[in-house]
Amino acid sequence: MSRFDSFLKNNISLFLKNSLFFPQREKEKLLSLPRSFWQKQIGRGRVIYQGKRLKSGTKINFQDISKISIDWKKIKRDFYFTKNLNKVSYPASLHILKNEKDFLVINKPAGLSVHQSEKINLAKEKSVTLVEIINSKGLLDKNFDDPRAGIVHRLDKRTSGLLIIAKNSTFQKEIKKKFKSREVKKKYLALVRGNFPYKNFYIHGLIGKKQSNPKIQGMENLVLKEGSLGNISSFWKNYCLDAKNISQPNKSGIINPKTSLGLGMVVFSGKINEIESYLRENNKSFSGIFGGWKDILENSKNSAGKLNEQYSLLKMFPLSGRTHQIRVHLSKAGFSIVGDDTYGGFLGNDLPCHFLHAFNLHWEDNKNRAIELIANKVFLF
C-alpha cells in the first residue's frame, strides 16, 4: 500500500497511456512533476476514488487503480496556464503542421475556442482562445497588428482539424480572396449514427440564423440526392440564381437565409469495431482520427452497448462556407454528427467533442505551387 499522492505520481504513466488531452512531449513533462502537484489536484477534487474525494495521505493498493478517475481537462489548465498581468502563457504544442514565412497551418484540438466571442467560463476559470495562444507565442510578424491573430477561417469550438493562420497582411489578403473564390478546398471526416442511404451524395438548401435563437442555424428547402453534381461551377451558379426568390423568412423563422452546398461520400458503415478494422486495412490515414473517436466513445459514461450500434463514417466536401454548414446539413438529413449536442447528435451531452474533423486543406499559392495539408490525428483541449 502507498499514499494516494505518491501512488499517483509513481503510476501516472498508466493513466496517461490512452489520454488524448496531451501530445507525447507534454506527457513526458507530466511524468516529471513533483508529488506536490498531484497533492493539489487531489485536494481540488480533480483526482477521485470511486467517485469520492480522498486525502492525499490515504493508503491505497495497486489493485484499486481502476477505481481512480482523473479530470484531465481541469488538470490541463493547471499544467499549461499561468496568469500574470492578464497575459496567458501556453507552453504546450500548437500541433503546427506547416510553418512557412507567410503562414502556418495547425491541427486545432477540439474544445479550443478560436475567438473571444466563443469564450465561456468553466468553474469561474478563464477559457483561453486560439487568438490568445497565437499572440502569447509571438508567431506573427511584429508589424502585423490583427485582432483575429491572422486567423482567416474558423472551426467550431468542439470541432477539430486544420486551420490556416496568416503571419502578415499580404498573405492574409491573398488567402481571403482564395477562400472567397472557393479556391481553398476543404475536406472533413464525420461520424453519424445509422446507415447513410447513399454512397455518393450532395446536399443543398438555405441556411440562416434562427429567429428564436440566433446562436443556432436553421435550414429550409433541404435537398439530399444520390450521385454527383456534374459541372459544379455551372450547378452552383444556377442554384444561387434559382434560390434568390425561394426563401420566406417570416414563415420559416430563419434570418437572412443563404444558399449552401456540399458533397459527401460514405467511407464505411457498420459497428465501431467493423469500421476500425476496415480503416486499418484500407485507409490508415483515417485510422488515427477514428481511433481517437473510438477511445472517446469507449470512455463516455453512457457508452455501454453503443459500440455495437450502426454508424456511418462520411467524407464531406463543403462547397460553400456557411456557419455550422456540415452539422446543419447532416442534422436536417436525419443523420446528426455524433457528439453534436446543438443539432441532436448522438450522446451529445456525454462527449467532449463533435465527431467532425477537418482533415485536409488544399490550395495553390500565387506561384501556382500546390499546397496540401493532412491532419490524421484528433486532439482534445
Protein backbone atom coordinates (compact mmCIF):
# COMPACT_ATOMS: atom_id res chain seq x y z
CA MET A 1 0.00 0.00 0.00
CA SER A 2 1.12 3.59 -0.58
CA ARG A 3 -0.10 7.15 -0.10
CA PHE A 4 -2.64 8.33 -2.67
CA ASP A 5 -0.41 11.20 -3.90
CA SER A 6 2.71 9.00 -4.11
CA PHE A 7 0.76 6.29 -5.89
CA LEU A 8 -0.48 8.83 -8.42
CA LYS A 9 2.99 10.27 -9.12
CA ASN A 10 4.61 6.84 -9.47
CA ASN A 11 1.92 5.41 -11.74
CA ILE A 12 0.81 8.44 -13.75
CA SER A 13 2.20 6.90 -16.95
CA LEU A 14 -0.53 4.23 -16.77
CA PHE A 15 -3.26 6.88 -16.65
CA LEU A 16 -1.66 8.92 -19.46
CA LYS A 17 -1.29 5.99 -21.82
CA ASN A 18 -4.61 6.48 -23.60
CA SER A 19 -5.18 10.15 -22.82
CA LEU A 20 -5.91 12.39 -25.84
CA PHE A 21 -5.53 15.61 -23.87
CA PHE A 22 -1.74 15.80 -24.18
CA PRO A 23 0.72 15.34 -27.06
CA GLN A 24 3.61 12.96 -26.31
CA ARG A 25 6.05 15.76 -25.47
CA GLU A 26 3.74 17.07 -22.76
CA LYS A 27 3.08 13.59 -21.39
CA GLU A 28 6.80 13.30 -20.74
CA LYS A 29 6.74 16.58 -18.80
CA LEU A 30 3.82 15.37 -16.71
CA LEU A 31 5.83 12.34 -15.64
CA SER A 32 8.44 14.60 -14.05
CA LEU A 33 6.03 16.72 -11.99
CA PRO A 34 6.61 16.64 -8.20
CA ARG A 35 4.31 14.93 -5.75
CA SER A 36 3.12 18.36 -4.54
CA PHE A 37 1.42 18.95 -7.91
CA TRP A 38 -0.65 15.79 -7.52
CA GLN A 39 -1.42 16.69 -3.90
CA LYS A 40 -3.06 19.88 -5.17
CA GLN A 41 -5.05 18.02 -7.82
CA ILE A 42 -6.31 15.54 -5.23
CA GLY A 43 -7.23 18.38 -2.87
CA ARG A 44 -9.17 20.16 -5.63
CA GLY A 45 -11.17 17.04 -6.40
CA ARG A 46 -9.66 16.54 -9.82
CA VAL A 47 -8.49 13.05 -8.92
CA ILE A 48 -11.15 10.98 -7.16
CA TYR A 49 -11.53 7.43 -5.88
CA GLN A 50 -14.82 5.63 -6.56
CA GLY A 51 -16.47 8.99 -7.19
CA LYS A 52 -15.35 10.45 -3.86
CA ARG A 53 -12.56 12.73 -2.68
CA LEU A 54 -9.76 11.22 -0.62
CA LYS A 55 -6.99 12.85 1.35
CA SER A 56 -3.52 12.75 -0.19
CA GLY A 57 -2.26 10.55 2.63
CA THR A 58 -4.92 7.87 2.28
CA LYS A 59 -3.39 4.43 1.70
CA ILE A 60 -4.46 2.54 -1.43
CA ASN A 61 -3.49 -0.67 -3.23
CA PHE A 62 -2.33 -1.06 -6.82
CA GLN A 63 -5.38 -3.25 -7.45
CA ASP A 64 -7.51 -0.13 -6.89
CA ILE A 65 -6.12 1.66 -9.96
CA SER A 66 -9.31 1.09 -11.99
CA LYS A 67 -11.32 2.91 -9.29
CA ILE A 68 -9.40 6.17 -9.78
CA SER A 69 -10.84 8.85 -12.10
CA ILE A 70 -8.88 11.88 -13.36
CA ASP A 71 -10.37 15.11 -14.74
CA TRP A 72 -7.66 15.78 -17.32
CA LYS A 73 -9.37 18.87 -18.70
CA LYS A 74 -9.05 20.78 -15.42
CA ILE A 75 -5.59 19.40 -14.66
CA LYS A 76 -4.50 20.58 -18.09
CA ARG A 77 -5.36 24.17 -17.22
CA ASP A 78 -3.22 23.99 -14.08
CA PHE A 79 -0.35 22.47 -16.01
CA TYR A 80 -0.41 24.79 -19.04
CA PHE A 81 -1.70 28.17 -17.98
CA THR A 82 -0.11 30.78 -15.74
CA LYS A 83 -1.69 34.19 -15.29
CA ASN A 84 0.39 37.33 -14.91
CA LEU A 85 -0.96 40.80 -15.66
CA ASN A 86 -3.82 39.20 -17.62
CA LYS A 87 -1.38 37.55 -20.04
CA VAL A 88 -1.63 33.86 -20.81
CA SER A 89 1.39 31.61 -21.09
CA TYR A 90 0.88 28.46 -23.12
CA PRO A 91 3.97 26.27 -23.34
CA ALA A 92 2.21 23.32 -24.97
CA SER A 93 2.50 22.42 -28.62
CA LEU A 94 0.01 24.02 -31.03
CA HIS A 95 0.29 20.97 -33.28
CA ILE A 96 1.81 23.04 -36.08
CA LEU A 97 1.86 21.02 -39.30
CA LYS A 98 3.39 23.63 -41.59
CA ASN A 99 5.33 26.77 -40.69
CA GLU A 100 6.39 29.00 -43.56
CA LYS A 101 7.43 32.62 -43.93
CA ASP A 102 3.93 33.89 -44.66
CA PHE A 103 1.67 31.43 -42.89
CA LEU A 104 1.34 28.41 -40.66
CA VAL A 105 -1.21 25.62 -40.51
CA ILE A 106 -2.23 23.98 -37.24
CA ASN A 107 -4.29 20.98 -36.21
CA LYS A 108 -6.74 22.66 -33.81
CA PRO A 109 -7.79 20.49 -30.87
CA ALA A 110 -11.47 20.00 -30.16
CA GLY A 111 -12.55 22.11 -27.19
CA LEU A 112 -10.43 25.16 -28.05
CA SER A 113 -12.39 28.30 -28.96
CA VAL A 114 -11.00 30.26 -31.89
CA HIS A 115 -12.21 33.75 -30.98
CA GLN A 116 -13.19 35.67 -27.87
CA SER A 117 -16.87 35.59 -28.85
CA GLU A 118 -16.96 31.88 -28.09
CA LYS A 119 -15.30 32.26 -24.68
CA ILE A 120 -17.04 30.62 -21.74
CA ASN A 121 -16.27 30.31 -18.06
CA LEU A 122 -15.75 26.86 -16.63
CA ALA A 123 -15.79 26.80 -12.81
CA LYS A 124 -15.08 30.56 -12.96
CA GLU A 125 -11.76 29.92 -14.71
CA LYS A 126 -10.71 31.69 -17.86
CA SER A 127 -11.27 29.82 -21.10
CA VAL A 128 -8.28 30.59 -23.29
CA THR A 129 -8.83 31.12 -27.02
CA LEU A 130 -6.65 30.32 -30.01
CA VAL A 131 -6.20 34.06 -30.65
CA GLU A 132 -4.64 34.49 -27.20
CA ILE A 133 -2.38 31.47 -27.66
CA ILE A 134 -1.08 32.72 -31.02
CA ASN A 135 -0.40 36.19 -29.61
CA SER A 136 1.32 34.81 -26.50
CA LYS A 137 3.70 32.69 -28.62
CA GLY A 138 4.73 35.56 -30.92
CA LEU A 139 4.06 33.61 -34.10
CA LEU A 140 3.11 36.56 -36.33
CA ASP A 141 5.22 39.28 -37.96
CA LYS A 142 5.93 42.09 -35.47
CA ASN A 143 4.28 44.77 -37.60
CA PHE A 144 1.17 42.67 -38.27
CA ASP A 145 -1.50 44.01 -35.92
CA ASP A 146 -4.59 41.88 -36.43
CA PRO A 147 -7.31 41.42 -33.77
CA ARG A 148 -8.02 37.96 -35.19
CA ALA A 149 -4.34 36.97 -34.90
CA GLY A 150 -4.09 36.06 -38.57
CA ILE A 151 -6.93 33.53 -38.48
CA VAL A 152 -8.75 33.76 -41.83
CA HIS A 153 -11.34 31.00 -41.36
CA ARG A 154 -12.66 29.15 -38.36
CA LEU A 155 -13.75 25.88 -36.85
CA ASP A 156 -16.39 25.49 -34.18
CA LYS A 157 -15.08 25.09 -30.66
CA ARG A 158 -15.86 21.36 -30.41
CA THR A 159 -14.67 20.61 -33.97
CA SER A 160 -11.04 19.66 -34.58
CA GLY A 161 -8.75 19.96 -37.57
CA LEU A 162 -6.81 22.19 -39.91
CA LEU A 163 -6.68 26.00 -39.68
CA ILE A 164 -4.62 28.44 -41.76
CA ILE A 165 -3.04 31.36 -39.90
CA ALA A 166 -1.60 34.31 -41.84
CA LYS A 167 1.61 35.81 -40.49
CA ASN A 168 1.31 39.09 -42.39
CA SER A 169 -1.30 41.28 -44.06
CA THR A 170 -0.14 40.45 -47.60
CA PHE A 171 -0.77 36.73 -47.25
CA GLN A 172 -3.95 37.41 -45.27
CA LYS A 173 -5.44 39.32 -48.21
CA GLU A 174 -4.33 36.67 -50.70
CA ILE A 175 -5.76 33.71 -48.84
CA LYS A 176 -9.02 35.55 -48.07
CA LYS A 177 -9.51 36.04 -51.81
CA LYS A 178 -8.91 32.35 -52.39
CA PHE A 179 -11.48 31.42 -49.76
CA LYS A 180 -13.98 33.83 -51.29
CA SER A 181 -13.47 32.37 -54.77
CA ARG A 182 -13.61 28.84 -53.32
CA GLU A 183 -10.07 28.02 -54.41
CA VAL A 184 -9.26 26.59 -50.96
CA LYS A 185 -10.61 23.04 -50.89
CA LYS A 186 -11.62 21.63 -47.51
CA LYS A 187 -12.36 18.04 -46.61
CA TYR A 188 -13.90 16.76 -43.38
CA LEU A 189 -14.43 13.40 -41.75
CA ALA A 190 -17.67 12.92 -39.80
CA LEU A 191 -19.22 10.06 -37.86
CA VAL A 192 -23.00 9.76 -37.77
CA ARG A 193 -25.31 7.19 -36.24
CA GLY A 194 -27.13 4.82 -38.60
CA ASN A 195 -26.62 3.61 -42.17
CA PHE A 196 -26.38 6.53 -44.56
CA PRO A 197 -28.55 5.70 -47.63
CA TYR A 198 -26.19 6.83 -50.44
CA LYS A 199 -22.57 6.04 -51.26
CA ASN A 200 -22.10 9.39 -53.01
CA PHE A 201 -24.43 12.32 -52.44
CA TYR A 202 -24.89 16.07 -52.42
CA ILE A 203 -26.85 18.35 -50.07
CA HIS A 204 -28.07 21.86 -50.57
CA GLY A 205 -30.54 24.27 -49.01
CA LEU A 206 -30.88 27.70 -47.44
CA ILE A 207 -29.15 28.28 -44.09
CA GLY A 208 -29.61 31.22 -41.72
CA LYS A 209 -29.84 32.11 -38.05
CA LYS A 210 -32.99 31.06 -36.26
CA GLN A 211 -35.16 33.96 -35.17
CA SER A 212 -35.95 32.13 -31.93
CA ASN A 213 -32.25 31.54 -31.14
CA PRO A 214 -29.67 33.39 -33.30
CA LYS A 215 -26.85 31.20 -31.95
CA ILE A 216 -28.32 28.24 -33.84
CA GLN A 217 -28.59 27.88 -37.60
CA GLY A 218 -31.84 26.85 -39.23
CA MET A 219 -32.36 25.39 -42.69
CA GLU A 220 -35.13 25.31 -45.28
CA ASN A 221 -35.59 23.68 -48.69
CA LEU A 222 -33.26 20.78 -47.90
CA VAL A 223 -32.30 18.64 -50.88
CA LEU A 224 -30.39 15.38 -50.36
CA LYS A 225 -29.71 13.45 -53.57
CA GLU A 226 -27.64 10.49 -54.60
CA GLY A 227 -24.85 10.95 -57.12
CA SER A 228 -22.60 13.82 -58.19
CA LEU A 229 -23.29 17.34 -59.41
CA GLY A 230 -21.53 17.05 -62.75
CA ASN A 231 -20.25 20.53 -63.62
CA ILE A 232 -20.03 22.01 -60.13
CA SER A 233 -19.39 25.61 -61.22
CA SER A 234 -22.40 25.62 -63.52
CA PHE A 235 -24.61 23.96 -60.91
CA TRP A 236 -23.54 26.44 -58.22
CA LYS A 237 -24.19 29.46 -60.45
CA ASN A 238 -27.66 28.29 -61.48
CA TYR A 239 -28.51 27.16 -57.97
CA CYS A 240 -27.69 30.58 -56.50
CA LEU A 241 -29.81 32.30 -59.17
CA ASP A 242 -32.75 29.94 -58.61
CA ALA A 243 -32.56 30.30 -54.83
CA LYS A 244 -32.89 34.08 -54.74
CA ASN A 245 -36.68 34.13 -54.51
CA ILE A 246 -37.25 30.84 -52.71
CA SER A 247 -36.85 31.97 -49.10
CA GLN A 248 -39.74 33.17 -46.98
CA PRO A 249 -38.00 34.14 -43.71
CA ASN A 250 -41.16 35.20 -41.89
CA LYS A 251 -42.70 31.76 -42.36
CA SER A 252 -39.54 29.72 -41.85
CA GLY A 253 -38.26 31.62 -38.84
CA ILE A 254 -34.80 31.98 -40.41
CA ILE A 255 -32.97 35.30 -40.59
CA ASN A 256 -31.30 36.19 -43.92
CA PRO A 257 -31.02 32.63 -45.29
CA LYS A 258 -28.21 31.97 -47.77
CA THR A 259 -27.51 29.21 -50.26
CA SER A 260 -25.39 26.29 -49.07
CA LEU A 261 -23.98 23.35 -50.98
CA GLY A 262 -21.86 20.34 -50.10
CA LEU A 263 -20.80 16.94 -51.39
CA GLY A 264 -20.30 13.73 -49.43
CA MET A 265 -19.44 10.08 -49.63
CA VAL A 266 -19.68 7.12 -47.28
CA VAL A 267 -16.29 5.69 -46.36
CA PHE A 268 -17.79 2.72 -44.49
CA SER A 269 -20.87 1.80 -42.46
CA GLY A 270 -21.01 -0.69 -39.63
CA LYS A 271 -20.31 -1.19 -35.95
CA ILE A 272 -17.42 0.70 -34.37
CA ASN A 273 -15.06 -2.29 -34.45
CA GLU A 274 -16.02 -3.06 -38.04
CA ILE A 275 -15.24 0.48 -39.16
CA GLU A 276 -11.93 0.35 -37.29
CA SER A 277 -10.97 -2.94 -38.99
CA TYR A 278 -11.90 -1.59 -42.42
CA LEU A 279 -9.77 1.54 -41.94
CA ARG A 280 -6.83 -0.46 -40.64
CA GLU A 281 -6.81 -2.45 -43.86
CA ASN A 282 -7.90 0.20 -46.39
CA ASN A 283 -7.29 3.72 -45.10
CA LYS A 284 -4.63 4.12 -42.43
CA SER A 285 -4.73 7.93 -42.67
CA PHE A 286 -8.30 7.87 -41.32
CA SER A 287 -7.45 5.16 -38.81
CA GLY A 288 -5.75 7.63 -36.44
CA ILE A 289 -8.72 10.01 -36.47
CA PHE A 290 -11.28 7.27 -35.96
CA GLY A 291 -9.14 5.59 -33.29
CA GLY A 292 -9.25 8.80 -31.25
CA TRP A 293 -13.03 8.97 -31.56
CA LYS A 294 -13.36 5.33 -30.57
CA ASP A 295 -11.32 5.95 -27.39
CA ILE A 296 -13.56 8.89 -26.52
CA LEU A 297 -16.70 6.87 -27.16
CA GLU A 298 -15.46 3.95 -25.07
CA ASN A 299 -14.69 6.25 -22.15
CA SER A 300 -18.02 8.12 -22.19
CA LYS A 301 -20.21 7.48 -19.18
CA ASN A 302 -23.18 6.24 -21.23
CA SER A 303 -21.29 4.26 -23.87
CA ALA A 304 -22.47 0.82 -22.68
CA GLY A 305 -23.93 -1.02 -25.66
CA LYS A 306 -23.37 1.92 -28.00
CA LEU A 307 -20.32 0.40 -29.70
CA ASN A 308 -22.50 -2.33 -31.22
CA GLU A 309 -24.86 0.08 -32.94
CA GLN A 310 -24.60 1.03 -36.62
CA TYR A 311 -22.59 4.10 -37.65
CA SER A 312 -21.53 5.69 -40.93
CA LEU A 313 -18.17 7.33 -41.48
CA LEU A 314 -18.59 10.14 -44.00
CA LYS A 315 -16.18 12.23 -46.03
CA MET A 316 -17.65 15.72 -46.52
CA PHE A 317 -16.69 18.42 -49.04
CA PRO A 318 -18.35 21.80 -48.32
CA LEU A 319 -18.58 23.96 -51.45
CA SER A 320 -19.92 26.93 -49.52
CA GLY A 321 -18.80 28.08 -46.09
CA ARG A 322 -21.94 28.76 -44.06
CA THR A 323 -21.79 28.70 -40.27
CA HIS A 324 -22.29 25.14 -38.93
CA GLN A 325 -22.96 24.03 -42.53
CA ILE A 326 -21.96 20.35 -42.33
CA ARG A 327 -23.58 19.98 -38.91
CA VAL A 328 -26.87 21.51 -40.12
CA HIS A 329 -26.88 19.61 -43.43
CA LEU A 330 -26.45 16.22 -41.78
CA SER A 331 -28.85 17.03 -38.95
CA LYS A 332 -31.60 18.05 -41.38
CA ALA A 333 -30.93 14.91 -43.40
CA GLY A 334 -31.62 12.87 -40.26
CA PHE A 335 -28.00 11.93 -39.52
CA SER A 336 -26.70 14.28 -36.81
CA ILE A 337 -22.99 14.12 -36.06
CA VAL A 338 -22.06 12.04 -33.00
CA GLY A 339 -21.39 14.36 -30.05
CA ASP A 340 -23.16 17.39 -31.55
CA ASP A 341 -25.48 18.38 -28.70
CA THR A 342 -26.72 21.52 -30.52
CA TYR A 343 -28.12 19.70 -33.54
CA GLY A 344 -29.35 16.48 -31.97
CA GLY A 345 -26.17 14.43 -32.19
CA PHE A 346 -25.96 11.02 -30.55
CA LEU A 347 -24.51 11.19 -26.97
CA GLY A 348 -24.17 14.95 -27.43
CA ASN A 349 -24.08 15.77 -23.73
CA ASP A 350 -21.67 12.97 -22.83
CA LEU A 351 -18.84 13.58 -25.29
CA PRO A 352 -16.18 16.34 -25.19
CA CYS A 353 -16.22 16.99 -28.93
CA HIS A 354 -18.07 16.69 -32.21
CA PHE A 355 -17.00 13.70 -34.23
CA LEU A 356 -16.19 16.10 -37.07
CA HIS A 357 -12.59 16.71 -38.14
CA ALA A 358 -11.17 18.97 -40.88
CA PHE A 359 -8.53 16.55 -42.14
CA ASN A 360 -7.48 18.07 -45.49
CA LEU A 361 -6.77 21.54 -46.91
CA HIS A 362 -5.60 22.19 -50.47
CA TRP A 363 -4.90 25.35 -52.46
CA GLU A 364 -2.45 26.84 -54.95
CA ASP A 365 -0.36 29.86 -53.98
CA ASN A 366 0.34 32.80 -56.29
CA LYS A 367 3.31 30.93 -57.78
CA ASN A 368 1.00 28.05 -58.78
CA ARG A 369 2.56 25.85 -56.15
CA ALA A 370 0.14 23.22 -54.85
CA ILE A 371 -0.11 23.16 -51.05
CA GLU A 372 -1.86 20.29 -49.32
CA LEU A 373 -2.06 19.53 -45.59
CA ILE A 374 -3.42 16.43 -43.90
CA ALA A 375 -4.25 16.10 -40.19
CA ASN A 376 -4.60 12.42 -39.34
CA LYS A 377 -4.97 12.77 -35.57
CA VAL A 378 -7.58 14.23 -33.25
CA PHE A 379 -6.51 16.16 -30.15
CA LEU A 380 -8.61 17.37 -27.21
CA PHE A 381 -8.12 20.69 -25.44
